[in-house]
């Protein structure tokens, strides 16, 4: 904002005389001589008071000179409005996949079985046709316990054969003998092209620690993992 300094009383009188003297034109009231005399007087005042020669700035010129253009006034607002907001730190990505649920170890007694066939690191075990899912699951857990304690001999499965079979050993459990030969018998599978085992136990005895997996096969062609194969082994409860 442009502010014209307040003139002193002396300057104000001189400016008033100058305006009257120079602004008076010849006319009926003053006449041509009056205008000349007024100019002469103002000239004397100008000599006596040189500050009277100071050019009086027009208030309108001051206003026009001091008024900033609209873009200049808006510049700070534009700078504030265009200031980029700080980037927010992205939230940590968490794994939203649901945790797998494994069934509890069954308390039912394992199904009775017999070794139906053994070859190529694969054991085929046969259980009664009416064996329940819990009994088959308990048998898979029983095989796991024998593998971790090196006690297959107690189950009438030669421990030496298991140890000699290599890096991976498979145990396939069938209800009855009808479909049991499907993995090794020549010709067409006895029960069709699909897999008909009721349960499986897979063992990798040479890894440290040993790795194993137990699966229960349901009648609707779906399977249920009985435990987390990557979790530490927990033996049967002694309670």
Protein backbone atom coordinates (compact mmCIF):
# COMPACT_ATOMS: atom_id res chain seq x y z
CA UNK A 1 0.00 0.00 0.00
CA UNK A 2 1.46 3.38 -1.07
CA UNK A 3 1.20 6.12 1.54
CA UNK A 4 2.04 9.74 0.69
CA UNK A 5 3.84 11.33 3.62
CA UNK A 6 1.88 14.06 5.41
CA UNK A 7 3.22 17.48 4.37
CA UNK A 8 4.30 19.93 6.98
CA UNK A 9 2.14 23.06 7.43
CA UNK A 10 4.78 25.12 5.62
CA UNK A 11 4.80 22.82 2.60
CA UNK A 12 1.04 22.68 2.61
CA UNK A 13 0.76 26.49 2.36
CA UNK A 14 3.29 26.63 -0.45
CA UNK A 15 1.48 23.89 -2.36
CA UNK A 16 -1.83 25.70 -1.95
CA UNK A 17 -0.32 28.94 -3.29
CA UNK A 18 1.21 27.13 -6.21
CA UNK A 19 -2.08 25.50 -7.11
CA UNK A 20 -3.93 28.82 -6.95
CA UNK A 21 -1.24 30.71 -8.83
CA UNK A 22 -0.69 28.26 -11.65
CA UNK A 23 -4.25 27.13 -11.85
CA UNK A 24 -5.80 30.62 -12.12
CA UNK A 25 -6.62 31.50 -15.71
CA UNK A 26 -7.47 34.98 -17.05
CA UNK A 27 -11.10 35.69 -16.60
CA UNK A 28 -13.65 38.22 -15.47
CA UNK A 29 -12.85 37.85 -11.78
CA UNK A 30 -9.04 37.86 -11.86
CA UNK A 31 -8.06 39.20 -15.22
CA UNK A 32 -4.87 38.67 -17.13
CA UNK A 33 -2.76 40.78 -14.75
CA UNK A 34 -4.03 39.01 -11.71
CA UNK A 35 -2.91 35.70 -13.19
CA UNK A 36 0.56 37.12 -13.97
CA UNK A 37 0.89 38.64 -10.50
CA UNK A 38 -0.12 35.35 -8.93
CA UNK A 39 2.48 33.53 -10.98
CA UNK A 40 5.11 36.12 -10.02
CA UNK A 41 4.30 35.74 -6.37
CA UNK A 42 4.51 32.00 -6.65
CA UNK A 43 7.89 32.40 -8.35
CA UNK A 44 9.12 34.43 -5.41
CA UNK A 45 7.86 31.82 -3.02
CA UNK A 46 9.59 29.15 -5.05
CA UNK A 47 12.88 31.02 -4.76
CA UNK A 48 12.44 31.50 -1.07
CA UNK A 49 11.30 27.92 -0.49
CA UNK A 50 12.95 25.62 -3.00
CA UNK A 51 11.11 22.62 -1.57
CA UNK A 52 7.98 24.00 -3.18
CA UNK A 53 9.42 22.87 -6.52
CA UNK A 54 9.04 19.31 -5.38
CA UNK A 55 6.82 17.45 -7.76
CA UNK A 56 3.69 16.43 -5.97
CA UNK A 57 2.95 12.83 -6.84
CA UNK A 58 -0.55 12.25 -7.99
CA UNK A 59 -2.45 10.01 -5.62
CA UNK A 60 -3.93 8.27 -8.62
CA UNK A 61 -0.50 7.57 -10.07
CA UNK A 62 0.59 6.29 -6.67
CA UNK A 63 -2.39 4.02 -6.51
CA UNK A 64 -1.76 2.69 -9.99
CA UNK A 65 1.95 2.20 -9.31
CA UNK A 66 1.43 0.51 -5.95
CA UNK A 67 -1.35 -1.80 -7.06
CA UNK A 68 0.24 -5.17 -7.85
CA UNK A 69 -1.14 -7.13 -10.71
CA UNK A 70 -3.53 -9.96 -9.89
CA UNK A 71 -1.02 -12.68 -10.77
CA UNK A 72 1.45 -11.27 -8.22
CA UNK A 73 -1.20 -11.21 -5.53
CA UNK A 74 -2.24 -14.74 -6.30
CA UNK A 75 1.30 -16.05 -6.56
CA UNK A 76 1.69 -16.90 -2.85
CA UNK A 77 -1.69 -18.60 -2.87
CA UNK A 78 -0.75 -20.55 -5.99
CA UNK A 79 2.54 -21.55 -4.44
CA UNK A 80 0.74 -22.73 -1.31
CA UNK A 81 -1.94 -24.52 -3.29
CA UNK A 82 0.60 -26.19 -5.57
CA UNK A 83 2.80 -27.34 -2.72
CA UNK A 84 2.94 -31.08 -2.93
CA UNK A 85 1.68 -32.93 0.07
CA UNK A 86 4.28 -35.19 1.66
CA UNK A 87 4.06 -38.73 0.41
CA UNK A 88 2.53 -40.97 2.98
CA UNK A 89 4.47 -44.04 3.96
CA UNK A 90 2.76 -47.09 2.45
CA UNK A 91 1.34 -49.46 4.99
CA UNK A 92 3.20 -52.65 5.47
CA UNK A 93 1.89 -55.40 3.34
CA UNK A 94 0.63 -58.23 5.39
CA UNK A 95 -0.14 -61.71 4.33
CA UNK A 96 -3.92 -61.97 4.31
CA UNK A 97 -4.01 -65.61 3.27
CA UNK A 98 -6.02 -67.59 5.83
CA UNK A 99 -3.98 -69.93 7.97
CA UNK A 100 -4.39 -73.59 7.13
CA UNK A 101 -6.44 -75.57 9.59
CA UNK A 102 -5.29 -79.08 10.38
CA UNK A 103 -7.50 -81.62 12.14
CA UNK A 104 -6.59 -82.67 15.63
CA UNK A 105 -4.84 -85.95 16.02
CA UNK A 106 -7.56 -88.58 16.41
CA UNK A 107 -7.88 -90.50 19.63
CA UNK A 108 -9.35 -93.50 17.83
CA UNK A 109 -7.22 -96.64 17.63
CA UNK A 110 -5.42 -97.08 14.28
CA UNK A 111 -6.96 -99.42 11.74
CA UNK A 112 -5.48 -102.90 11.57
CA UNK A 113 -3.48 -103.38 8.36
CA UNK A 114 -1.27 -105.78 6.49
CA UNK A 115 1.47 -105.17 3.95
CA UNK A 116 -0.02 -106.01 0.56
CA UNK A 117 2.94 -105.09 -1.64
CA UNK A 118 6.38 -103.49 -1.46
CA UNK A 119 8.57 -102.35 -4.34
CA UNK A 120 10.37 -99.23 -5.59
CA UNK A 121 10.33 -97.48 -2.20
CA UNK A 122 6.56 -97.90 -2.02
CA UNK A 123 4.56 -99.87 0.53
CA UNK A 124 0.93 -100.80 -0.15
CA UNK A 125 -1.06 -101.37 3.02
CA UNK A 126 -4.57 -102.80 3.17
CA UNK A 127 -7.13 -102.11 5.92
CA UNK A 128 -10.67 -103.45 6.38
CA UNK A 129 -13.16 -102.10 3.87
CA UNK A 130 -15.27 -100.56 6.63
CA UNK A 131 -12.41 -98.73 8.30
CA UNK A 132 -13.44 -95.19 9.25
CA UNK A 133 -11.65 -92.00 8.30
CA UNK A 134 -10.54 -91.54 11.91
CA UNK A 135 -9.05 -95.05 11.99
CA UNK A 136 -7.15 -94.43 8.76
CA UNK A 137 -5.96 -91.02 10.02
CA UNK A 138 -4.78 -92.68 13.23
CA UNK A 139 -2.86 -95.26 11.14
CA UNK A 140 -1.11 -92.48 9.20
CA UNK A 141 -0.10 -90.90 12.51
CA UNK A 142 1.12 -94.30 13.72
CA UNK A 143 3.38 -94.58 10.66
CA UNK A 144 4.73 -91.12 11.42
CA UNK A 145 5.55 -92.04 15.00
CA UNK A 146 7.35 -95.19 13.80
CA UNK A 147 9.38 -93.17 11.30
CA UNK A 148 10.48 -90.63 13.92
CA UNK A 149 11.38 -93.29 16.48
CA UNK A 150 12.82 -95.84 13.99
CA UNK A 151 10.37 -98.45 15.23
CA UNK A 152 8.79 -99.83 12.02
CA UNK A 153 9.71 -103.31 13.15
CA UNK A 154 7.02 -103.02 15.85
CA UNK A 155 4.46 -102.57 13.06
CA UNK A 156 5.78 -105.61 11.18
CA UNK A 157 7.32 -103.40 8.55
CA UNK A 158 11.05 -104.14 8.21
CA UNK A 159 13.00 -101.08 9.37
CA UNK A 160 15.91 -102.12 7.13
CA UNK A 161 13.70 -101.94 4.06
CA UNK A 162 12.55 -98.45 4.98
CA UNK A 163 16.14 -97.32 5.54
CA UNK A 164 17.29 -98.86 2.26
CA UNK A 165 14.54 -97.44 0.10
CA UNK A 166 16.28 -94.11 -0.47
CA UNK A 167 15.46 -90.47 -0.02
CA UNK A 168 11.65 -90.82 -0.27
CA UNK A 169 9.38 -93.63 0.94
CA UNK A 170 5.64 -93.89 0.21
CA UNK A 171 2.94 -95.71 2.16
CA UNK A 172 -0.40 -96.12 0.33
CA UNK A 173 -3.40 -97.26 2.39
CA UNK A 174 -6.40 -98.96 0.71
CA UNK A 175 -9.73 -100.14 2.00
CA UNK A 176 -9.81 -103.76 0.90
CA UNK A 177 -7.73 -105.42 -1.79
CA UNK A 178 -9.78 -104.64 -4.89
CA UNK A 179 -8.06 -101.38 -5.85
CA UNK A 180 -4.78 -101.97 -4.02
CA UNK A 181 -2.82 -103.22 -7.12
CA UNK A 182 -3.66 -100.15 -9.22
CA UNK A 183 -0.22 -98.56 -8.86
CA UNK A 184 1.90 -101.50 -9.96
CA UNK A 185 -0.24 -104.22 -11.59
CA UNK A 186 0.07 -104.55 -15.39
CA UNK A 187 -2.88 -103.84 -17.66
CA UNK A 188 -5.82 -101.60 -16.92
CA UNK A 189 -6.22 -100.38 -13.34
CA UNK A 190 -8.71 -102.57 -11.48
CA UNK A 191 -10.84 -99.62 -10.30
CA UNK A 192 -10.45 -97.22 -13.21
CA UNK A 193 -7.99 -94.46 -14.01
CA UNK A 194 -8.47 -92.39 -10.84
CA UNK A 195 -6.60 -92.83 -7.58
CA UNK A 196 -8.48 -94.89 -4.98
CA UNK A 197 -6.25 -94.93 -1.90
CA UNK A 198 -7.85 -93.96 1.40
CA UNK A 199 -4.71 -92.42 2.89
CA UNK A 200 -1.04 -91.74 2.23
CA UNK A 201 2.08 -91.25 4.27
CA UNK A 202 5.19 -89.82 2.57
CA UNK A 203 8.56 -89.83 4.32
CA UNK A 204 11.88 -88.20 3.45
CA UNK A 205 14.16 -89.91 6.00
CA UNK A 206 17.46 -88.43 4.83
CA UNK A 207 16.59 -84.76 5.43
CA UNK A 208 17.63 -83.04 8.66
CA UNK A 209 15.21 -83.04 10.38
CA UNK A 210 13.17 -85.72 8.59
CA UNK A 211 10.28 -84.40 6.49
CA UNK A 212 6.96 -86.20 6.23
CA UNK A 213 3.40 -85.60 5.10
CA UNK A 214 0.12 -87.33 5.95
CA UNK A 215 -3.02 -87.18 3.80
CA UNK A 216 -6.54 -88.54 4.17
CA UNK A 217 -8.43 -89.07 0.87
CA UNK A 218 -12.15 -88.48 1.10
CA UNK A 219 -14.77 -90.22 -0.98
CA UNK A 220 -15.48 -87.01 -2.97
CA UNK A 221 -11.94 -86.98 -4.44
CA UNK A 222 -10.76 -84.34 -1.99
CA UNK A 223 -7.84 -84.72 0.38
CA UNK A 224 -7.18 -83.47 3.89
CA UNK A 225 -3.68 -82.70 5.12
CA UNK A 226 -3.34 -84.15 8.59
CA UNK A 227 -0.53 -81.84 9.80
CA UNK A 228 1.81 -79.10 8.72
CA UNK A 229 4.79 -80.90 7.12
CA UNK A 230 7.08 -77.95 7.86
CA UNK A 231 6.20 -77.73 11.54
CA UNK A 232 8.25 -79.53 14.24
CA UNK A 233 7.13 -83.05 15.02
CA UNK A 234 5.15 -83.61 18.19
CA UNK A 235 4.88 -87.16 19.52
CA UNK A 236 1.74 -88.76 20.90
CA UNK A 237 0.46 -87.45 24.20
CA UNK A 238 1.44 -89.52 27.22
CA UNK A 239 -1.57 -88.43 29.27
